[in-house]
Amino acid sequence: MIQLGVNIDHIATLRQARGTRYPSPVRAALLAEYAGADAITLHLREDRRHIQDRDLEILREVLTIRMNLEMAVTD
């Protein structure tokens, strides 16, 4: 069966570009989960340019679906 994973990186990019607290990647992830998504995908960059540590902490607490982390393999 095909499953749907929703990537929330661009929502975090908008938030960071605006320098505000919205749009919220956490809220977007919860909306996607509510709408039937099977997983949430996010790219945790070493420089934390988009997704922030706090986003990850909150998502770990509130999501009941799978979370797919994309990360670089670096020292």
PDB file of N, CA and C in Angstrom:
ATOM      1  N   MET A   1       0.834  -1.184   0.000  1.00  0.00           N
ATOM      2  CA  MET A   1       0.000   0.000   0.000  1.00  0.00           C
ATOM      3  C   MET A   1       0.884   1.254   0.000  1.00  0.00           C
ATOM      4  N   ILE A   2       0.545   2.223  -0.805  1.00  0.00           N
ATOM      5  CA  ILE A   2       1.279   3.479  -0.877  1.00  0.00           C
ATOM      6  C   ILE A   2       0.945   4.331   0.346  1.00  0.00           C
ATOM      7  N   GLN A   3       1.985   4.933   0.929  1.00  0.00           N
ATOM      8  CA  GLN A   3       1.789   5.805   2.081  1.00  0.00           C
ATOM      9  C   GLN A   3       2.236   7.223   1.739  1.00  0.00           C
ATOM     10  N   LEU A   4       1.647   8.193   2.420  1.00  0.00           N
ATOM     11  CA  LEU A   4       1.940   9.597   2.169  1.00  0.00           C
ATOM     12  C   LEU A   4       2.795  10.183   3.289  1.00  0.00           C
ATOM     13  N   GLY A   5       3.935  10.738   2.901  1.00  0.00           N
ATOM     14  CA  GLY A   5       4.786  11.483   3.825  1.00  0.00           C
ATOM     15  C   GLY A   5       4.764  12.948   3.422  1.00  0.00           C
ATOM     16  N   VAL A   6       4.546  13.836   4.363  1.00  0.00           N
ATOM     17  CA  VAL A   6       4.466  15.267   4.079  1.00  0.00           C
ATOM     18  C   VAL A   6       5.731  15.944   4.611  1.00  0.00           C
ATOM     19  N   ASN A   7       6.418  16.681   3.729  1.00  0.00           N
ATOM     20  CA  ASN A   7       7.637  17.394   4.094  1.00  0.00           C
ATOM     21  C   ASN A   7       7.268  18.807   4.557  1.00  0.00           C
ATOM     22  N   ILE A   8       7.737  19.188   5.737  1.00  0.00           N
ATOM     23  CA  ILE A   8       7.380  20.498   6.303  1.00  0.00           C
ATOM     24  C   ILE A   8       8.526  21.511   6.239  1.00  0.00           C
ATOM     25  N   ASP A   9       9.590  21.194   5.503  1.00  0.00           N
ATOM     26  CA  ASP A   9      10.752  22.089   5.425  1.00  0.00           C
ATOM     27  C   ASP A   9      10.411  23.478   4.895  1.00  0.00           C
ATOM     28  N   HIS A  10       9.614  23.550   3.847  1.00  0.00           N
ATOM     29  CA  HIS A  10       9.334  24.849   3.236  1.00  0.00           C
ATOM     30  C   HIS A  10       8.495  25.745   4.147  1.00  0.00           C
ATOM     31  N   ILE A  11       7.727  25.149   5.016  1.00  0.00           N
ATOM     32  CA  ILE A  11       6.964  25.936   5.987  1.00  0.00           C
ATOM     33  C   ILE A  11       7.926  26.589   6.978  1.00  0.00           C
ATOM     34  N   ALA A  12       8.925  25.823   7.411  1.00  0.00           N
ATOM     35  CA  ALA A  12       9.942  26.384   8.302  1.00  0.00           C
ATOM     36  C   ALA A  12      10.767  27.449   7.590  1.00  0.00           C
ATOM     37  N   THR A  13      11.027  27.255   6.300  1.00  0.00           N
ATOM     38  CA  THR A  13      11.772  28.243   5.513  1.00  0.00           C
ATOM     39  C   THR A  13      11.030  29.573   5.480  1.00  0.00           C
ATOM     40  N   LEU A  14       9.722  29.526   5.257  1.00  0.00           N
ATOM     41  CA  LEU A  14       8.915  30.751   5.263  1.00  0.00           C
ATOM     42  C   LEU A  14       8.978  31.451   6.616  1.00  0.00           C
ATOM     43  N   ARG A  15       8.851  30.685   7.672  1.00  0.00           N
ATOM     44  CA  ARG A  15       8.895  31.267   9.020  1.00  0.00           C
ATOM     45  C   ARG A  15      10.229  31.967   9.265  1.00  0.00           C
ATOM     46  N   GLN A  16      11.321  31.300   8.913  1.00  0.00           N
ATOM     47  CA  GLN A  16      12.643  31.877   9.144  1.00  0.00           C
ATOM     48  C   GLN A  16      12.865  33.113   8.275  1.00  0.00           C
ATOM     49  N   ALA A  17      12.389  33.086   7.030  1.00  0.00           N
ATOM     50  CA  ALA A  17      12.549  34.229   6.123  1.00  0.00           C
ATOM     51  C   ALA A  17      11.775  35.442   6.632  1.00  0.00           C
ATOM     52  N   ARG A  18      10.630  35.201   7.239  1.00  0.00           N
ATOM     53  CA  ARG A  18       9.813  36.292   7.772  1.00  0.00           C
ATOM     54  C   ARG A  18      10.315  36.792   9.112  1.00  0.00           C
ATOM     55  N   GLY A  19      11.089  35.963   9.796  1.00  0.00           N
ATOM     56  CA  GLY A  19      11.571  36.343  11.119  1.00  0.00           C
ATOM     57  C   GLY A  19      10.466  36.374  12.148  1.00  0.00           C
ATOM     58  N   THR A  20       9.458  35.519  11.954  1.00  0.00           N
ATOM     59  CA  THR A  20       8.319  35.475  12.865  1.00  0.00           C
ATOM     60  C   THR A  20       8.146  34.064  13.415  1.00  0.00           C
ATOM     61  N   ARG A  21       7.074  33.850  14.158  1.00  0.00           N
ATOM     62  CA  ARG A  21       6.778  32.520  14.685  1.00  0.00           C
ATOM     63  C   ARG A  21       5.771  31.774  13.816  1.00  0.00           C
ATOM     64  N   TYR A  22       5.390  32.357  12.694  1.00  0.00           N
ATOM     65  CA  TYR A  22       4.430  31.718  11.798  1.00  0.00           C
ATOM     66  C   TYR A  22       4.936  31.777  10.374  1.00  0.00           C
ATOM     67  N   PRO A  23       4.564  30.888   9.507  1.00  0.00           N
ATOM     68  CA  PRO A  23       3.720  29.728   9.775  1.00  0.00           C
ATOM     69  C   PRO A  23       4.468  28.698  10.614  1.00  0.00           C
ATOM     70  N   SER A  24       3.738  27.951  11.375  1.00  0.00           N
ATOM     71  CA  SER A  24       4.322  26.982  12.295  1.00  0.00           C
ATOM     72  C   SER A  24       4.467  25.618  11.629  1.00  0.00           C
ATOM     73  N   PRO A  25       5.687  25.090  11.532  1.00  0.00           N
ATOM     74  CA  PRO A  25       5.861  23.749  10.985  1.00  0.00           C
ATOM     75  C   PRO A  25       5.190  22.683  11.855  1.00  0.00           C
ATOM     76  N   VAL A  26       5.121  22.934  13.146  1.00  0.00           N
ATOM     77  CA  VAL A  26       4.460  21.978  14.043  1.00  0.00           C
ATOM     78  C   VAL A  26       2.965  21.935  13.739  1.00  0.00           C
ATOM     79  N   ARG A  27       2.369  23.085  13.594  1.00  0.00           N
ATOM     80  CA  ARG A  27       0.934  23.127  13.272  1.00  0.00           C
ATOM     81  C   ARG A  27       0.666  22.471  11.919  1.00  0.00           C
ATOM     82  N   ALA A  28       1.538  22.730  10.951  1.00  0.00           N
ATOM     83  CA  ALA A  28       1.385  22.111   9.631  1.00  0.00           C
ATOM     84  C   ALA A  28       1.484  20.593   9.724  1.00  0.00           C
ATOM     85  N   ALA A  29       2.402  20.107  10.538  1.00  0.00           N
ATOM     86  CA  ALA A  29       2.549  18.660  10.710  1.00  0.00           C
ATOM     87  C   ALA A  29       1.300  18.056  11.341  1.00  0.00           C
ATOM     88  N   LEU A  30       0.753  18.736  12.329  1.00  0.00           N
ATOM     89  CA  LEU A  30      -0.464  18.241  12.973  1.00  0.00           C
ATOM     90  C   LEU A  30      -1.653  18.262  12.018  1.00  0.00           C
ATOM     91  N   LEU A  31      -1.742  19.290  11.187  1.00  0.00           N
ATOM     92  CA  LEU A  31      -2.810  19.338  10.178  1.00  0.00           C
ATOM     93  C   LEU A  31      -2.664  18.202   9.176  1.00  0.00           C
ATOM     94  N   ALA A  32      -1.431  17.926   8.765  1.00  0.00           N
ATOM     95  CA  ALA A  32      -1.187  16.825   7.831  1.00  0.00           C
ATOM     96  C   ALA A  32      -1.559  15.487   8.470  1.00  0.00           C
ATOM     97  N   GLU A  33      -1.204  15.312   9.735  1.00  0.00           N
ATOM     98  CA  GLU A  33      -1.559  14.083  10.443  1.00  0.00           C
ATOM     99  C   GLU A  33      -3.078  13.939  10.529  1.00  0.00           C
ATOM    100  N   TYR A  34      -3.742  15.010  10.889  1.00  0.00           N
ATOM    101  CA  TYR A  34      -5.202  15.004  10.991  1.00  0.00           C
ATOM    102  C   TYR A  34      -5.855  14.677   9.651  1.00  0.00           C
ATOM    103  N   ALA A  35      -5.237  15.140   8.562  1.00  0.00           N
ATOM    104  CA  ALA A  35      -5.779  14.920   7.219  1.00  0.00           C
ATOM    105  C   ALA A  35      -5.467  13.528   6.678  1.00  0.00           C
ATOM    106  N   GLY A  36      -4.681  12.746   7.407  1.00  0.00           N
ATOM    107  CA  GLY A  36      -4.453  11.369   6.998  1.00  0.00           C
ATOM    108  C   GLY A  36      -3.051  11.026   6.545  1.00  0.00           C
ATOM    109  N   ALA A  37      -2.096  11.938   6.690  1.00  0.00           N
ATOM    110  CA  ALA A  37      -0.713  11.630   6.305  1.00  0.00           C
ATOM    111  C   ALA A  37      -0.190  10.477   7.156  1.00  0.00           C
ATOM    112  N   ASP A  38       0.693   9.694   6.564  1.00  0.00           N
ATOM    113  CA  ASP A  38       1.275   8.545   7.260  1.00  0.00           C
ATOM    114  C   ASP A  38       2.599   8.875   7.943  1.00  0.00           C
ATOM    115  N   ALA A  39       3.241   9.967   7.507  1.00  0.00           N
ATOM    116  CA  ALA A  39       4.536  10.353   8.073  1.00  0.00           C
ATOM    117  C   ALA A  39       4.788  11.837   7.827  1.00  0.00           C
ATOM    118  N   ILE A  40       5.645  12.395   8.651  1.00  0.00           N
ATOM    119  CA  ILE A  40       6.110  13.774   8.482  1.00  0.00           C
ATOM    120  C   ILE A  40       7.609  13.708   8.234  1.00  0.00           C
ATOM    121  N   THR A  41       8.049  14.404   7.180  1.00  0.00           N
ATOM    122  CA  THR A  41       9.468  14.439   6.834  1.00  0.00           C
ATOM    123  C   THR A  41      10.013  15.830   7.099  1.00  0.00           C
ATOM    124  N   LEU A  42      11.200  15.888   7.701  1.00  0.00           N
ATOM    125  CA  LEU A  42      11.857  17.165   7.915  1.00  0.00           C
ATOM    126  C   LEU A  42      13.363  16.996   7.801  1.00  0.00           C
ATOM    127  N   HIS A  43      14.010  18.029   7.292  1.00  0.00           N
ATOM    128  CA  HIS A  43      15.455  18.029   7.093  1.00  0.00           C
ATOM    129  C   HIS A  43      16.085  18.844   8.206  1.00  0.00           C
ATOM    130  N   LEU A  44      16.778  18.165   9.092  1.00  0.00           N
ATOM    131  CA  LEU A  44      17.445  18.837  10.207  1.00  0.00           C
ATOM    132  C   LEU A  44      18.868  19.177   9.773  1.00  0.00           C
ATOM    133  N   ARG A  45      19.060  20.426   9.399  1.00  0.00           N
ATOM    134  CA  ARG A  45      20.361  20.887   8.906  1.00  0.00           C
ATOM    135  C   ARG A  45      21.314  21.158  10.067  1.00  0.00           C
ATOM    136  N   GLU A  46      22.596  21.008   9.792  1.00  0.00           N
ATOM    137  CA  GLU A  46      23.607  21.255  10.815  1.00  0.00           C
ATOM    138  C   GLU A  46      23.570  22.704  11.306  1.00  0.00           C
ATOM    139  N   ASP A  47      23.277  23.644  10.398  1.00  0.00           N
ATOM    140  CA  ASP A  47      23.223  25.064  10.768  1.00  0.00           C
ATOM    141  C   ASP A  47      21.850  25.493  11.291  1.00  0.00           C
ATOM    142  N   ARG A  48      20.904  24.555  11.334  1.00  0.00           N
ATOM    143  CA  ARG A  48      19.539  24.811  11.827  1.00  0.00           C
ATOM    144  C   ARG A  48      18.902  25.997  11.104  1.00  0.00           C
ATOM    145  N   ARG A  49      19.145  26.085   9.803  1.00  0.00           N
ATOM    146  CA  ARG A  49      18.662  27.217   9.020  1.00  0.00           C
ATOM    147  C   ARG A  49      17.140  27.246   8.899  1.00  0.00           C
ATOM    148  N   HIS A  50      16.494  26.090   8.933  1.00  0.00           N
ATOM    149  CA  HIS A  50      15.040  26.045   8.754  1.00  0.00           C
ATOM    150  C   HIS A  50      14.365  25.406   9.973  1.00  0.00           C
ATOM    151  N   ILE A  51      14.413  24.104  10.064  1.00  0.00           N
ATOM    152  CA  ILE A  51      13.840  23.406  11.218  1.00  0.00           C
ATOM    153  C   ILE A  51      14.730  23.664  12.428  1.00  0.00           C
ATOM    154  N   GLN A  52      14.127  24.056  13.528  1.00  0.00           N
ATOM    155  CA  GLN A  52      14.855  24.363  14.756  1.00  0.00           C
ATOM    156  C   GLN A  52      14.744  23.194  15.738  1.00  0.00           C
ATOM    157  N   ASP A  53      15.664  23.139  16.692  1.00  0.00           N
ATOM    158  CA  ASP A  53      15.639  22.073  17.696  1.00  0.00           C
ATOM    159  C   ASP A  53      14.302  22.032  18.434  1.00  0.00           C
ATOM    160  N   ARG A  54      13.753  23.187  18.723  1.00  0.00           N
ATOM    161  CA  ARG A  54      12.472  23.250  19.445  1.00  0.00           C
ATOM    162  C   ARG A  54      11.351  22.611  18.629  1.00  0.00           C
ATOM    163  N   ASP A  55      11.370  22.813  17.301  1.00  0.00           N
ATOM    164  CA  ASP A  55      10.376  22.170  16.435  1.00  0.00           C
ATOM    165  C   ASP A  55      10.438  20.657  16.601  1.00  0.00           C
ATOM    166  N   LEU A  56      11.643  20.135  16.565  1.00  0.00           N
ATOM    167  CA  LEU A  56      11.838  18.691  16.682  1.00  0.00           C
ATOM    168  C   LEU A  56      11.356  18.174  18.033  1.00  0.00           C
ATOM    169  N   GLU A  57      11.678  18.900  19.091  1.00  0.00           N
ATOM    170  CA  GLU A  57      11.246  18.497  20.434  1.00  0.00           C
ATOM    171  C   GLU A  57       9.722  18.442  20.535  1.00  0.00           C
ATOM    172  N   ILE A  58       9.061  19.458  20.021  1.00  0.00           N
ATOM    173  CA  ILE A  58       7.596  19.495  20.080  1.00  0.00           C
ATOM    174  C   ILE A  58       7.000  18.384  19.227  1.00  0.00           C
ATOM    175  N   LEU A  59       7.532  18.201  18.028  1.00  0.00           N
ATOM    176  CA  LEU A  59       7.008  17.156  17.143  1.00  0.00           C
ATOM    177  C   LEU A  59       7.134  15.776  17.773  1.00  0.00           C
ATOM    178  N   ARG A  60       8.240  15.520  18.461  1.00  0.00           N
ATOM    179  CA  ARG A  60       8.411  14.226  19.138  1.00  0.00           C
ATOM    180  C   ARG A  60       7.320  13.999  20.174  1.00  0.00           C
ATOM    181  N   GLU A  61       6.884  15.063  20.809  1.00  0.00           N
ATOM    182  CA  GLU A  61       5.869  14.959  21.858  1.00  0.00           C
ATOM    183  C   GLU A  61       4.455  14.782  21.309  1.00  0.00           C
ATOM    184  N   VAL A  62       4.141  15.449  20.199  1.00  0.00           N
ATOM    185  CA  VAL A  62       2.742  15.522  19.779  1.00  0.00           C
ATOM    186  C   VAL A  62       2.357  14.599  18.627  1.00  0.00           C
ATOM    187  N   LEU A  63       3.301  14.210  17.788  1.00  0.00           N
ATOM    188  CA  LEU A  63       2.936  13.370  16.642  1.00  0.00           C
ATOM    189  C   LEU A  63       2.668  11.934  17.068  1.00  0.00           C
ATOM    190  N   THR A  64       1.685  11.341  16.453  1.00  0.00           N
ATOM    191  CA  THR A  64       1.427   9.918  16.677  1.00  0.00           C
ATOM    192  C   THR A  64       1.779   9.103  15.443  1.00  0.00           C
ATOM    193  N   ILE A  65       2.190   9.776  14.366  1.00  0.00           N
ATOM    194  CA  ILE A  65       2.617   9.092  13.147  1.00  0.00           C
ATOM    195  C   ILE A  65       4.143   9.131  13.065  1.00  0.00           C
ATOM    196  N   ARG A  66       4.678   8.426  12.096  1.00  0.00           N
ATOM    197  CA  ARG A  66       6.120   8.324  11.912  1.00  0.00           C
ATOM    198  C   ARG A  66       6.718   9.678  11.536  1.00  0.00           C
ATOM    199  N   MET A  67       7.914   9.947  12.058  1.00  0.00           N
ATOM    200  CA  MET A  67       8.648  11.158  11.699  1.00  0.00           C
ATOM    201  C   MET A  67       9.933  10.723  11.005  1.00  0.00           C
ATOM    202  N   ASN A  68      10.135  11.213   9.790  1.00  0.00           N
ATOM    203  CA  ASN A  68      11.299  10.867   8.984  1.00  0.00           C
ATOM    204  C   ASN A  68      12.276  12.040   9.007  1.00  0.00           C
ATOM    205  N   LEU A  69      13.439  11.839   9.627  1.00  0.00           N
ATOM    206  CA  LEU A  69      14.446  12.898   9.704  1.00  0.00           C
ATOM    207  C   LEU A  69      15.474  12.714   8.597  1.00  0.00           C
ATOM    208  N   GLU A  70      15.723  13.780   7.850  1.00  0.00           N
ATOM    209  CA  GLU A  70      16.787  13.790   6.853  1.00  0.00           C
ATOM    210  C   GLU A  70      17.932  14.592   7.449  1.00  0.00           C
ATOM    211  N   MET A  71      19.119  13.980   7.522  1.00  0.00           N
ATOM    212  CA  MET A  71      20.275  14.658   8.107  1.00  0.00           C
ATOM    213  C   MET A  71      21.525  14.296   7.324  1.00  0.00           C
ATOM    214  N   ALA A  72      22.481  15.224   7.282  1.00  0.00           N
ATOM    215  CA  ALA A  72      23.763  14.962   6.644  1.00  0.00           C
ATOM    216  C   ALA A  72      24.628  14.113   7.576  1.00  0.00           C
ATOM    217  N   VAL A  73      25.459  13.295   6.982  1.00  0.00           N
ATOM    218  CA  VAL A  73      26.400  12.490   7.756  1.00  0.00           C
ATOM    219  C   VAL A  73      27.724  13.254   7.786  1.00  0.00           C
ATOM    220  N   THR A  74      27.940  13.995   8.866  1.00  0.00           N
ATOM    221  CA  THR A  74      29.150  14.806   9.009  1.00  0.00           C
ATOM    222  C   THR A  74      29.719  14.640  10.405  1.00  0.00           C
ATOM    223  N   ASP A  75      30.955  15.099  10.573  1.00  0.00           N
ATOM    224  CA  ASP A  75      31.592  15.065  11.902  1.00  0.00           C
ATOM    225  C   ASP A  75      31.195  16.255  12.722  1.00  0.00           C
TER     226      ASP A  75
END
